PDB file of all heavy atoms in Angstrom:
ATOM      1  N   GLY A   1      32.766 -46.829 -92.156  1.00  0.00           N
ATOM      2  CA  GLY A   1      31.705 -46.132 -92.851  1.00  0.00           C
ATOM      3  C   GLY A   1      32.095 -45.478 -94.158  1.00  0.00           C
ATOM      4  O   GLY A   1      31.232 -44.954 -94.864  1.00  0.00           O
ATOM      5  N   GLY A   2      33.370 -45.488 -94.501  1.00  0.00           N
ATOM      6  CA  GLY A   2      33.798 -44.893 -95.755  1.00  0.00           C
ATOM      7  C   GLY A   2      33.304 -45.694 -96.946  1.00  0.00           C
ATOM      8  O   GLY A   2      32.879 -46.843 -96.812  1.00  0.00           O
ATOM      9  N   GLY A   3      33.358 -45.078 -98.112  1.00  0.00           N
ATOM     10  CA  GLY A   3      32.915 -45.754 -99.316  1.00  0.00           C
ATOM     11  C   GLY A   3      32.722 -44.801-100.467  1.00  0.00           C
ATOM     12  O   GLY A   3      33.200 -43.670-100.445  1.00  0.00           O
ATOM     13  N   LEU A   4      32.007 -45.270-101.466  1.00  0.00           N
ATOM     14  CA  LEU A   4      31.733 -44.505-102.679  1.00  0.00           C
ATOM     15  C   LEU A   4      30.300 -44.001-102.649  1.00  0.00           C
ATOM     16  O   LEU A   4      29.371 -44.764-102.365  1.00  0.00           O
ATOM     17  CB  LEU A   4      31.956 -45.379-103.910  1.00  0.00           C
ATOM     18  CG  LEU A   4      31.616 -44.788-105.270  1.00  0.00           C
ATOM     19  CD1 LEU A   4      32.538 -43.607-105.578  1.00  0.00           C
ATOM     20  CD2 LEU A   4      31.730 -45.852-106.347  1.00  0.00           C
ATOM     21  N   VAL A   5      30.123 -42.723-102.949  1.00  0.00           N
ATOM     22  CA  VAL A   5      28.795 -42.121-102.952  1.00  0.00           C
ATOM     23  C   VAL A   5      28.720 -41.098-104.078  1.00  0.00           C
ATOM     24  O   VAL A   5      29.731 -40.500-104.452  1.00  0.00           O
ATOM     25  CB  VAL A   5      28.481 -41.469-101.587  1.00  0.00           C
ATOM     26  CG1 VAL A   5      29.429 -40.313-101.312  1.00  0.00           C
ATOM     27  CG2 VAL A   5      27.038 -41.013-101.515  1.00  0.00           C
ATOM     28  N   GLN A   6      27.540 -40.909-104.628  1.00  0.00           N
ATOM     29  CA  GLN A   6      27.350 -39.920-105.685  1.00  0.00           C
ATOM     30  C   GLN A   6      27.244 -38.521-105.104  1.00  0.00           C
ATOM     31  O   GLN A   6      26.816 -38.332-103.966  1.00  0.00           O
ATOM     32  CB  GLN A   6      26.088 -40.230-106.494  1.00  0.00           C
ATOM     33  CG  GLN A   6      26.189 -41.451-107.371  1.00  0.00           C
ATOM     34  CD  GLN A   6      24.970 -41.643-108.235  1.00  0.00           C
ATOM     35  OE1 GLN A   6      23.858 -41.761-107.732  1.00  0.00           O
ATOM     36  NE2 GLN A   6      25.169 -41.659-109.542  1.00  0.00           N
ATOM     37  N   ALA A   7      27.637 -37.535-105.900  1.00  0.00           N
ATOM     38  CA  ALA A   7      27.516 -36.142-105.482  1.00  0.00           C
ATOM     39  C   ALA A   7      26.079 -35.838-105.080  1.00  0.00           C
ATOM     40  O   ALA A   7      25.130 -36.263-105.738  1.00  0.00           O
ATOM     41  CB  ALA A   7      27.967 -35.213-106.603  1.00  0.00           C
ATOM     42  N   GLY A   8      25.940 -35.107-103.985  1.00  0.00           N
ATOM     43  CA  GLY A   8      24.625 -34.786-103.458  1.00  0.00           C
ATOM     44  C   GLY A   8      24.118 -35.781-102.447  1.00  0.00           C
ATOM     45  O   GLY A   8      23.125 -35.515-101.754  1.00  0.00           O
ATOM     46  N   GLY A   9      24.781 -36.911-102.335  1.00  0.00           N
ATOM     47  CA  GLY A   9      24.373 -37.949-101.410  1.00  0.00           C
ATOM     48  C   GLY A   9      24.922 -37.747-100.011  1.00  0.00           C
ATOM     49  O   GLY A   9      25.574 -36.741 -99.715  1.00  0.00           O
ATOM     50  N   SER A  10      24.669 -38.729 -99.164  1.00  0.00           N
ATOM     51  CA  SER A  10      25.086 -38.665 -97.768  1.00  0.00           C
ATOM     52  C   SER A  10      25.870 -39.905 -97.382  1.00  0.00           C
ATOM     53  O   SER A  10      25.716 -40.974 -97.979  1.00  0.00           O
ATOM     54  CB  SER A  10      23.872 -38.537 -96.846  1.00  0.00           C
ATOM     55  OG  SER A  10      23.160 -37.345 -97.097  1.00  0.00           O
ATOM     56  N   LEU A  11      26.693 -39.761 -96.364  1.00  0.00           N
ATOM     57  CA  LEU A  11      27.488 -40.864 -95.853  1.00  0.00           C
ATOM     58  C   LEU A  11      27.788 -40.590 -94.383  1.00  0.00           C
ATOM     59  O   LEU A  11      28.059 -39.448 -94.009  1.00  0.00           O
ATOM     60  CB  LEU A  11      28.785 -40.993 -96.642  1.00  0.00           C
ATOM     61  CG  LEU A  11      29.559 -42.313 -96.566  1.00  0.00           C
ATOM     62  CD1 LEU A  11      28.734 -43.452 -97.149  1.00  0.00           C
ATOM     63  CD2 LEU A  11      30.875 -42.185 -97.322  1.00  0.00           C
ATOM     64  N   GLY A  12      27.737 -41.628 -93.565  1.00  0.00           N
ATOM     65  CA  GLY A  12      28.033 -41.483 -92.156  1.00  0.00           C
ATOM     66  C   GLY A  12      29.282 -42.251 -91.765  1.00  0.00           C
ATOM     67  O   GLY A  12      29.438 -43.419 -92.123  1.00  0.00           O
ATOM     68  N   LEU A  13      30.175 -41.598 -91.037  1.00  0.00           N
ATOM     69  CA  LEU A  13      31.395 -42.219 -90.550  1.00  0.00           C
ATOM     70  C   LEU A  13      31.311 -42.393 -89.040  1.00  0.00           C
ATOM     71  O   LEU A  13      30.664 -41.607 -88.353  1.00  0.00           O
ATOM     72  CB  LEU A  13      32.626 -41.374 -90.880  1.00  0.00           C
ATOM     73  CG  LEU A  13      32.861 -40.980 -92.337  1.00  0.00           C
ATOM     74  CD1 LEU A  13      34.136 -40.159 -92.446  1.00  0.00           C
ATOM     75  CD2 LEU A  13      32.921 -42.204 -93.225  1.00  0.00           C
ATOM     76  N   SER A  14      31.971 -43.396 -88.525  1.00  0.00           N
ATOM     77  CA  SER A  14      32.066 -43.584 -87.090  1.00  0.00           C
ATOM     78  C   SER A  14      33.495 -43.932 -86.722  1.00  0.00           C
ATOM     79  O   SER A  14      34.259 -44.429 -87.543  1.00  0.00           O
ATOM     80  CB  SER A  14      31.104 -44.676 -86.601  1.00  0.00           C
ATOM     81  OG  SER A  14      31.448 -45.935 -87.141  1.00  0.00           O
ATOM     82  N   CYS A  15      33.845 -43.665 -85.481  1.00  0.00           N
ATOM     83  CA  CYS A  15      35.188 -43.931 -84.988  1.00  0.00           C
ATOM     84  C   CYS A  15      35.086 -44.344 -83.530  1.00  0.00           C
ATOM     85  O   CYS A  15      34.599 -43.573 -82.699  1.00  0.00           O
ATOM     86  CB  CYS A  15      36.062 -42.687 -85.146  1.00  0.00           C
ATOM     87  SG  CYS A  15      37.666 -42.785 -84.322  1.00  0.00           S
ATOM     88  N   ALA A  16      35.547 -45.545 -83.223  1.00  0.00           N
ATOM     89  CA  ALA A  16      35.490 -46.070 -81.869  1.00  0.00           C
ATOM     90  C   ALA A  16      36.878 -46.081 -81.242  1.00  0.00           C
ATOM     91  O   ALA A  16      37.839 -46.541 -81.862  1.00  0.00           O
ATOM     92  CB  ALA A  16      34.908 -47.478 -81.870  1.00  0.00           C
ATOM     93  N   ALA A  17      36.965 -45.594 -80.018  1.00  0.00           N
ATOM     94  CA  ALA A  17      38.212 -45.578 -79.271  1.00  0.00           C
ATOM     95  C   ALA A  17      38.238 -46.737 -78.283  1.00  0.00           C
ATOM     96  O   ALA A  17      37.229 -47.056 -77.643  1.00  0.00           O
ATOM     97  CB  ALA A  17      38.379 -44.263 -78.523  1.00  0.00           C
ATOM     98  N   SER A  18      39.397 -47.360 -78.147  1.00  0.00           N
ATOM     99  CA  SER A  18      39.552 -48.457 -77.205  1.00  0.00           C
ATOM    100  C   SER A  18      40.956 -48.434 -76.622  1.00  0.00           C
ATOM    101  O   SER A  18      41.822 -47.710 -77.088  1.00  0.00           O
ATOM    102  CB  SER A  18      39.277 -49.801 -77.885  1.00  0.00           C
ATOM    103  OG  SER A  18      40.211 -50.033 -78.931  1.00  0.00           O
ATOM    104  N   GLY A  19      41.170 -49.237 -75.594  1.00  0.00           N
ATOM    105  CA  GLY A  19      42.468 -49.312 -74.955  1.00  0.00           C
ATOM    106  C   GLY A  19      42.579 -48.384 -73.754  1.00  0.00           C
ATOM    107  O   GLY A  19      41.591 -47.841 -73.274  1.00  0.00           O
ATOM    108  N   ARG A  20      43.780 -48.206 -73.258  1.00  0.00           N
ATOM    109  CA  ARG A  20      44.048 -47.340 -72.123  1.00  0.00           C
ATOM    110  C   ARG A  20      44.668 -46.025 -72.563  1.00  0.00           C
ATOM    111  O   ARG A  20      45.539 -46.027 -73.435  1.00  0.00           O
ATOM    112  CB  ARG A  20      44.985 -48.055 -71.148  1.00  0.00           C
ATOM    113  CG  ARG A  20      44.420 -49.333 -70.564  1.00  0.00           C
ATOM    114  CD  ARG A  20      45.448 -50.029 -69.698  1.00  0.00           C
ATOM    115  NE  ARG A  20      44.935 -51.268 -69.142  1.00  0.00           N
ATOM    116  CZ  ARG A  20      44.331 -51.378 -67.969  1.00  0.00           C
ATOM    117  NH1 ARG A  20      44.154 -50.307 -67.205  1.00  0.00           N
ATOM    118  NH2 ARG A  20      43.894 -52.555 -67.553  1.00  0.00           N
ATOM    119  N   PRO A  21      44.270 -44.902 -71.970  1.00  0.00           N
ATOM    120  CA  PRO A  21      43.241 -44.753 -70.938  1.00  0.00           C
ATOM    121  C   PRO A  21      41.854 -45.138 -71.453  1.00  0.00           C
ATOM    122  O   PRO A  21      41.645 -45.264 -72.669  1.00  0.00           O
ATOM    123  CB  PRO A  21      43.317 -43.280 -70.553  1.00  0.00           C
ATOM    124  CG  PRO A  21      43.814 -42.621 -71.785  1.00  0.00           C
ATOM    125  CD  PRO A  21      44.810 -43.578 -72.371  1.00  0.00           C
ATOM    126  N   PHE A  22      40.923 -45.297 -70.543  1.00  0.00           N
ATOM    127  CA  PHE A  22      39.607 -45.805 -70.899  1.00  0.00           C
ATOM    128  C   PHE A  22      38.692 -44.766 -71.528  1.00  0.00           C
ATOM    129  O   PHE A  22      37.665 -45.127 -72.111  1.00  0.00           O
ATOM    130  CB  PHE A  22      38.928 -46.417 -69.669  1.00  0.00           C
ATOM    131  CG  PHE A  22      39.662 -47.601 -69.116  1.00  0.00           C
ATOM    132  CD1 PHE A  22      40.316 -47.527 -67.899  1.00  0.00           C
ATOM    133  CD2 PHE A  22      39.707 -48.791 -69.821  1.00  0.00           C
ATOM    134  CE1 PHE A  22      40.997 -48.612 -67.391  1.00  0.00           C
ATOM    135  CE2 PHE A  22      40.392 -49.892 -69.325  1.00  0.00           C
ATOM    136  CZ  PHE A  22      41.039 -49.803 -68.105  1.00  0.00           C
ATOM    137  N   SER A  23      39.028 -43.505 -71.408  1.00  0.00           N
ATOM    138  CA  SER A  23      38.230 -42.458 -72.013  1.00  0.00           C
ATOM    139  C   SER A  23      39.144 -41.428 -72.656  1.00  0.00           C
ATOM    140  O   SER A  23      40.334 -41.345 -72.336  1.00  0.00           O
ATOM    141  CB  SER A  23      37.318 -41.785 -70.978  1.00  0.00           C
ATOM    142  OG  SER A  23      38.077 -41.153 -69.961  1.00  0.00           O
ATOM    143  N   VAL A  24      38.595 -40.649 -73.567  1.00  0.00           N
ATOM    144  CA  VAL A  24      39.349 -39.604 -74.243  1.00  0.00           C
ATOM    145  C   VAL A  24      38.630 -38.276 -74.073  1.00  0.00           C
ATOM    146  O   VAL A  24      37.479 -38.225 -73.650  1.00  0.00           O
ATOM    147  CB  VAL A  24      39.534 -39.913 -75.748  1.00  0.00           C
ATOM    148  CG1 VAL A  24      40.361 -41.178 -75.932  1.00  0.00           C
ATOM    149  CG2 VAL A  24      38.183 -40.054 -76.434  1.00  0.00           C
ATOM    150  N   GLY A  25      39.314 -37.193 -74.413  1.00  0.00           N
ATOM    151  CA  GLY A  25      38.729 -35.870 -74.316  1.00  0.00           C
ATOM    152  C   GLY A  25      38.046 -35.476 -75.606  1.00  0.00           C
ATOM    153  O   GLY A  25      37.242 -36.225 -76.155  1.00  0.00           O
ATOM    154  N   ALA A  26      38.377 -34.284 -76.099  1.00  0.00           N
ATOM    155  CA  ALA A  26      37.803 -33.830 -77.364  1.00  0.00           C
ATOM    156  C   ALA A  26      38.214 -34.759 -78.505  1.00  0.00           C
ATOM    157  O   ALA A  26      39.287 -35.378 -78.469  1.00  0.00           O
ATOM    158  CB  ALA A  26      38.251 -32.405 -77.657  1.00  0.00           C
ATOM    159  N   MET A  27      37.372 -34.852 -79.509  1.00  0.00           N
ATOM    160  CA  MET A  27      37.663 -35.681 -80.669  1.00  0.00           C
ATOM    161  C   MET A  27      37.432 -34.864 -81.929  1.00  0.00           C
ATOM    162  O   MET A  27      36.739 -33.841 -81.904  1.00  0.00           O
ATOM    163  CB  MET A  27      36.802 -36.943 -80.675  1.00  0.00           C
ATOM    164  CG  MET A  27      37.002 -37.811 -79.446  1.00  0.00           C
ATOM    165  SD  MET A  27      36.074 -39.375 -79.489  1.00  0.00           S
ATOM    166  CE  MET A  27      37.069 -40.313 -80.673  1.00  0.00           C
ATOM    167  N   GLY A  28      38.013 -35.322 -83.029  1.00  0.00           N
ATOM    168  CA  GLY A  28      37.875 -34.574 -84.263  1.00  0.00           C
ATOM    169  C   GLY A  28      38.044 -35.436 -85.499  1.00  0.00           C
ATOM    170  O   GLY A  28      38.399 -36.614 -85.421  1.00  0.00           O
ATOM    171  N   TRP A  29      37.764 -34.823 -86.628  1.00  0.00           N
ATOM    172  CA  TRP A  29      37.951 -35.443 -87.931  1.00  0.00           C
ATOM    173  C   TRP A  29      38.816 -34.545 -88.800  1.00  0.00           C
ATOM    174  O   TRP A  29      38.622 -33.325 -88.832  1.00  0.00           O
ATOM    175  CB  TRP A  29      36.612 -35.671 -88.635  1.00  0.00           C
ATOM    176  CG  TRP A  29      35.758 -36.735 -88.019  1.00  0.00           C
ATOM    177  CD1 TRP A  29      34.784 -36.580 -87.092  1.00  0.00           C
ATOM    178  CD2 TRP A  29      35.810 -38.140 -88.325  1.00  0.00           C
ATOM    179  NE1 TRP A  29      34.217 -37.796 -86.784  1.00  0.00           N
ATOM    180  CE2 TRP A  29      34.832 -38.766 -87.525  1.00  0.00           C
ATOM    181  CE3 TRP A  29      36.581 -38.920 -89.185  1.00  0.00           C
ATOM    182  CZ2 TRP A  29      34.603 -40.143 -87.565  1.00  0.00           C
ATOM    183  CZ3 TRP A  29      36.360 -40.282 -89.220  1.00  0.00           C
ATOM    184  CH2 TRP A  29      35.380 -40.880 -88.419  1.00  0.00           C
ATOM    185  N   PHE A  30      39.770 -35.145 -89.486  1.00  0.00           N
ATOM    186  CA  PHE A  30      40.606 -34.476 -90.464  1.00  0.00           C
ATOM    187  C   PHE A  30      40.516 -35.252 -91.769  1.00  0.00           C
ATOM    188  O   PHE A  30      40.092 -36.407 -91.780  1.00  0.00           O
ATOM    189  CB  PHE A  30      42.058 -34.404 -89.989  1.00  0.00           C
ATOM    190  CG  PHE A  30      42.270 -33.514 -88.796  1.00  0.00           C
ATOM    191  CD1 PHE A  30      41.901 -33.921 -87.524  1.00  0.00           C
ATOM    192  CD2 PHE A  30      42.852 -32.262 -88.946  1.00  0.00           C
ATOM    193  CE1 PHE A  30      42.093 -33.104 -86.423  1.00  0.00           C
ATOM    194  CE2 PHE A  30      43.063 -31.436 -87.850  1.00  0.00           C
ATOM    195  CZ  PHE A  30      42.677 -31.852 -86.597  1.00  0.00           C
ATOM    196  N   ARG A  31      40.920 -34.634 -92.867  1.00  0.00           N
ATOM    197  CA  ARG A  31      40.915 -35.343 -94.141  1.00  0.00           C
ATOM    198  C   ARG A  31      42.109 -34.931 -94.984  1.00  0.00           C
ATOM    199  O   ARG A  31      42.661 -33.842 -94.828  1.00  0.00           O
ATOM    200  CB  ARG A  31      39.610 -35.093 -94.910  1.00  0.00           C
ATOM    201  CG  ARG A  31      39.432 -33.664 -95.405  1.00  0.00           C
ATOM    202  CD  ARG A  31      38.055 -33.485 -96.017  1.00  0.00           C
ATOM    203  NE  ARG A  31      37.864 -32.151 -96.562  1.00  0.00           N
ATOM    204  CZ  ARG A  31      36.732 -31.690 -97.058  1.00  0.00           C
ATOM    205  NH1 ARG A  31      35.653 -32.480 -97.088  1.00  0.00           N
ATOM    206  NH2 ARG A  31      36.655 -30.455 -97.527  1.00  0.00           N
ATOM    207  N   GLN A  32      42.495 -35.820 -95.894  1.00  0.00           N
ATOM    208  CA  GLN A  32      43.618 -35.547 -96.775  1.00  0.00           C
ATOM    209  C   GLN A  32      43.314 -36.084 -98.167  1.00  0.00           C
ATOM    210  O   GLN A  32      43.105 -37.282 -98.344  1.00  0.00           O
ATOM    211  CB  GLN A  32      44.904 -36.174 -96.238  1.00  0.00           C
ATOM    212  CG  GLN A  32      46.141 -35.808 -97.036  1.00  0.00           C
ATOM    213  CD  GLN A  32      47.419 -36.223 -96.347  1.00  0.00           C
ATOM    214  OE1 GLN A  32      47.433 -37.173 -95.548  1.00  0.00           O
ATOM    215  NE2 GLN A  32      48.500 -35.530 -96.629  1.00  0.00           N
ATOM    216  N   ALA A  33      43.287 -35.183 -99.141  1.00  0.00           N
ATOM    217  CA  ALA A  33      43.103 -35.546-100.532  1.00  0.00           C
ATOM    218  C   ALA A  33      44.469 -35.766-101.175  1.00  0.00           C
ATOM    219  O   ALA A  33      45.475 -35.227-100.710  1.00  0.00           O
ATOM    220  CB  ALA A  33      42.337 -34.452-101.268  1.00  0.00           C
ATOM    221  N   PRO A  34      44.536 -36.551-102.258  1.00  0.00           N
ATOM    222  CA  PRO A  34      45.821 -36.793-102.923  1.00  0.00           C
ATOM    223  C   PRO A  34      46.513 -35.491-103.316  1.00  0.00           C
ATOM    224  O   PRO A  34      45.899 -34.609-103.912  1.00  0.00           O
ATOM    225  CB  PRO A  34      45.430 -37.600-104.156  1.00  0.00           C
ATOM    226  CG  PRO A  34      44.175 -38.297-103.757  1.00  0.00           C
ATOM    227  CD  PRO A  34      43.446 -37.303-102.896  1.00  0.00           C
ATOM    228  N   GLY A  35      47.787 -35.378-102.965  1.00  0.00           N
ATOM    229  CA  GLY A  35      48.564 -34.207-103.317  1.00  0.00           C
ATOM    230  C   GLY A  35      48.295 -32.979-102.479  1.00  0.00           C
ATOM    231  O   GLY A  35      48.839 -31.912-102.774  1.00  0.00           O
ATOM    232  N   LYS A  36      47.479 -33.108-101.445  1.00  0.00           N
ATOM    233  CA  LYS A  36      47.146 -31.968-100.607  1.00  0.00           C
ATOM    234  C   LYS A  36      47.528 -32.215 -99.154  1.00  0.00           C
ATOM    235  O   LYS A  36      47.748 -33.351 -98.739  1.00  0.00           O
ATOM    236  CB  LYS A  36      45.649 -31.659-100.688  1.00  0.00           C
ATOM    237  CG  LYS A  36      45.172 -31.203-102.057  1.00  0.00           C
ATOM    238  CD  LYS A  36      43.714 -30.800-102.018  1.00  0.00           C
ATOM    239  CE  LYS A  36      43.238 -30.283-103.357  1.00  0.00           C
ATOM    240  NZ  LYS A  36      41.807 -29.874-103.312  1.00  0.00           N
ATOM    241  N   GLU A  37      47.599 -31.130 -98.397  1.00  0.00           N
ATOM    242  CA  GLU A  37      47.881 -31.218 -96.970  1.00  0.00           C
ATOM    243  C   GLU A  37      46.662 -31.755 -96.238  1.00  0.00           C
ATOM    244  O   GLU A  37      45.524 -31.581 -96.672  1.00  0.00           O
ATOM    245  CB  GLU A  37      48.240 -29.837 -96.419  1.00  0.00           C
ATOM    246  CG  GLU A  37      49.458 -29.180 -97.049  1.00  0.00           C
ATOM    247  CD  GLU A  37      50.748 -29.720 -96.505  1.00  0.00           C
ATOM    248  OE1 GLU A  37      50.764 -30.205 -95.355  1.00  0.00           O
ATOM    249  OE2 GLU A  37      51.759 -29.670 -97.223  1.00  0.00           O
ATOM    250  N   ARG A  38      46.899 -32.393 -95.119  1.00  0.00           N
ATOM    251  CA  ARG A  38      45.791 -32.818 -94.283  1.00  0.00           C
ATOM    252  C   ARG A  38      45.123 -31.582 -93.683  1.00  0.00           C
ATOM    253  O   ARG A  38      45.803 -30.658 -93.230  1.00  0.00           O
ATOM    254  CB  ARG A  38      46.281 -33.753 -93.178  1.00  0.00           C
ATOM    255  CG  ARG A  38      45.162 -34.294 -92.307  1.00  0.00           C
ATOM    256  CD  ARG A  38      45.472 -35.668 -91.758  1.00  0.00           C
ATOM    257  NE  ARG A  38      46.672 -35.703 -90.958  1.00  0.00           N
ATOM    258  CZ  ARG A  38      47.181 -36.811 -90.409  1.00  0.00           C
ATOM    259  NH1 ARG A  38      46.570 -37.975 -90.590  1.00  0.00           N
ATOM    260  NH2 ARG A  38      48.284 -36.750 -89.695  1.00  0.00           N
ATOM    261  N   GLU A  39      43.794 -31.560 -93.685  1.00  0.00           N
ATOM    262  CA  GLU A  39      43.071 -30.392 -93.229  1.00  0.00           C
ATOM    263  C   GLU A  39      42.016 -30.759 -92.195  1.00  0.00           C
ATOM    264  O   GLU A  39      41.482 -31.866 -92.173  1.00  0.00           O
ATOM    265  CB  GLU A  39      42.413 -29.661 -94.403  1.00  0.00           C
ATOM    266  CG  GLU A  39      41.334 -30.468 -95.111  1.00  0.00           C
ATOM    267  CD  GLU A  39      40.665 -29.694 -96.231  1.00  0.00           C
ATOM    268  OE1 GLU A  39      40.997 -28.511 -96.435  1.00  0.00           O
ATOM    269  OE2 GLU A  39      39.801 -30.285 -96.915  1.00  0.00           O
TER     270      GLU A  39
END
């Protein structure tokens, strides 16, 4: 779902889990800009 969007616009991301174990617990999103720490 990533891509290029203009300021003020919207974008939707998705993340699918697969493999073993068959389910996961809590999930989250982090981001990292060039030259910055992951947040």
